[in-house]
Amino acid sequence: LLALIDASAIHIHGALLAERLPDQDDEPFLEVAIAGEADALVTGNVRHFPARLAQGMRSVRPAAFVASRRG
C-alpha cells in the first residue's frame, strides 16, 4: 500500500514556518499543507494549529472534511 501511495504521490517540500506551533512535532504537516496549497489540513488535533499561526491554512476535523465533500 505504501509503495502505491508513493508511486502516485505528489512530493512537496515545505518551508519553515515563521512562528512555532504549540506542538512542534506537527509543524511539518502545516508546512507541507501550505507549500502544496492544500484546501485544508485535515487533523484530529485542530487545537494544535491555531488560526493565528496557520498562515491562512484552515484546519478541519476528518468528519467535517468528509461531510464537506458529500454532495
C-alpha atoms as a PDB file:
ATOM      1  CA  LEU A   1       0.000   0.000   0.000  1.00  0.00           C
ATOM      2  CA  LEU A   2       2.775   2.429   0.876  1.00  0.00           C
ATOM      3  CA  ALA A   3       4.545   1.749  -2.433  1.00  0.00           C
ATOM      4  CA  LEU A   4       1.306   2.515  -4.302  1.00  0.00           C
ATOM      5  CA  ILE A   5       0.838   5.751  -2.387  1.00  0.00           C
ATOM      6  CA  ASP A   6       4.446   6.755  -3.014  1.00  0.00           C
ATOM      7  CA  ALA A   7       4.181   5.968  -6.733  1.00  0.00           C
ATOM      8  CA  SER A   8       1.123   8.177  -7.193  1.00  0.00           C
ATOM      9  CA  ALA A   9       2.012  10.892  -4.677  1.00  0.00           C
ATOM     10  CA  ILE A  10       2.916  14.473  -5.383  1.00  0.00           C
ATOM     11  CA  HIS A  11       6.112  15.193  -3.463  1.00  0.00           C
ATOM     12  CA  ILE A  12       6.089  18.560  -1.680  1.00  0.00           C
ATOM     13  CA  HIS A  13       8.891  20.210   0.263  1.00  0.00           C
ATOM     14  CA  GLY A  14       7.586  22.605   2.879  1.00  0.00           C
ATOM     15  CA  ALA A  15       9.229  25.816   4.039  1.00  0.00           C
ATOM     16  CA  LEU A  16       9.822  26.527   7.702  1.00  0.00           C
ATOM     17  CA  LEU A  17       7.052  28.364   9.493  1.00  0.00           C
ATOM     18  CA  ALA A  18       7.514  31.954  10.639  1.00  0.00           C
ATOM     19  CA  GLU A  19       6.394  31.001  14.175  1.00  0.00           C
ATOM     20  CA  ARG A  20       6.479  27.747  16.132  1.00  0.00           C
ATOM     21  CA  LEU A  21       3.303  25.743  16.727  1.00  0.00           C
ATOM     22  CA  PRO A  22       2.276  24.651  20.245  1.00  0.00           C
ATOM     23  CA  ASP A  23       3.271  21.083  19.336  1.00  0.00           C
ATOM     24  CA  GLN A  24       6.408  21.405  17.229  1.00  0.00           C
ATOM     25  CA  ASP A  25       6.069  17.799  16.006  1.00  0.00           C
ATOM     26  CA  ASP A  26       3.044  18.997  13.994  1.00  0.00           C
ATOM     27  CA  GLU A  27       4.942  21.679  12.076  1.00  0.00           C
ATOM     28  CA  PRO A  28       5.896  19.512   9.049  1.00  0.00           C
ATOM     29  CA  PHE A  29       2.206  18.816   8.356  1.00  0.00           C
ATOM     30  CA  LEU A  30       1.338  22.515   8.251  1.00  0.00           C
ATOM     31  CA  GLU A  31       4.480  23.355   6.270  1.00  0.00           C
ATOM     32  CA  VAL A  32       3.596  20.832   3.566  1.00  0.00           C
ATOM     33  CA  ALA A  33      -0.095  21.812   3.508  1.00  0.00           C
ATOM     34  CA  ILE A  34       0.883  25.445   2.924  1.00  0.00           C
ATOM     35  CA  ALA A  35       3.567  24.642   0.327  1.00  0.00           C
ATOM     36  CA  GLY A  36       1.217  22.286  -1.514  1.00  0.00           C
ATOM     37  CA  GLU A  37      -1.585  24.864  -1.470  1.00  0.00           C
ATOM     38  CA  ALA A  38      -3.962  22.359   0.120  1.00  0.00           C
ATOM     39  CA  ASP A  39      -7.616  23.256   0.589  1.00  0.00           C
ATOM     40  CA  ALA A  40      -7.320  22.347   4.261  1.00  0.00           C
ATOM     41  CA  LEU A  41      -5.238  20.480   6.791  1.00  0.00           C
ATOM     42  CA  VAL A  42      -7.298  17.504   7.944  1.00  0.00           C
ATOM     43  CA  THR A  43      -6.461  16.618  11.534  1.00  0.00           C
ATOM     44  CA  GLY A  44      -7.950  15.322  14.738  1.00  0.00           C
ATOM     45  CA  ASN A  45      -5.866  17.908  16.595  1.00  0.00           C
ATOM     46  CA  VAL A  46      -7.220  21.219  15.291  1.00  0.00           C
ATOM     47  CA  ARG A  47      -6.189  22.912  18.543  1.00  0.00           C
ATOM     48  CA  HIS A  48      -2.545  22.244  17.607  1.00  0.00           C
ATOM     49  CA  PHE A  49      -2.949  24.514  14.557  1.00  0.00           C
ATOM     50  CA  PRO A  50      -4.211  27.883  15.872  1.00  0.00           C
ATOM     51  CA  ALA A  51      -5.505  30.188  13.136  1.00  0.00           C
ATOM     52  CA  ARG A  52      -3.101  32.976  14.094  1.00  0.00           C
ATOM     53  CA  LEU A  53      -0.137  30.675  13.319  1.00  0.00           C
ATOM     54  CA  ALA A  54      -1.594  28.745  10.383  1.00  0.00           C
ATOM     55  CA  GLN A  55      -0.833  31.377   7.719  1.00  0.00           C
ATOM     56  CA  GLY A  56      -4.316  31.158   6.239  1.00  0.00           C
ATOM     57  CA  MET A  57      -4.479  27.348   6.184  1.00  0.00           C
ATOM     58  CA  ARG A  58      -7.704  26.131   7.724  1.00  0.00           C
ATOM     59  CA  SER A  59      -7.668  23.035   9.902  1.00  0.00           C
ATOM     60  CA  VAL A  60     -10.674  20.729   9.898  1.00  0.00           C
ATOM     61  CA  ARG A  61     -11.564  17.513  11.643  1.00  0.00           C
ATOM     62  CA  PRO A  62     -11.834  14.400   9.428  1.00  0.00           C
ATOM     63  CA  ALA A  63     -15.635  14.120   9.836  1.00  0.00           C
ATOM     64  CA  ALA A  64     -16.124  17.766   8.838  1.00  0.00           C
ATOM     65  CA  PHE A  65     -13.887  17.313   5.806  1.00  0.00           C
ATOM     66  CA  VAL A  66     -15.779  14.214   4.638  1.00  0.00           C
ATOM     67  CA  ALA A  67     -19.126  15.947   5.212  1.00  0.00           C
ATOM     68  CA  SER A  68     -17.971  18.959   3.148  1.00  0.00           C
ATOM     69  CA  ARG A  69     -17.124  16.661   0.211  1.00  0.00           C
ATOM     70  CA  ARG A  70     -20.517  14.987   0.107  1.00  0.00           C
ATOM     71  CA  GLY A  71     -22.981  16.488  -2.337  1.00  0.00           C
END
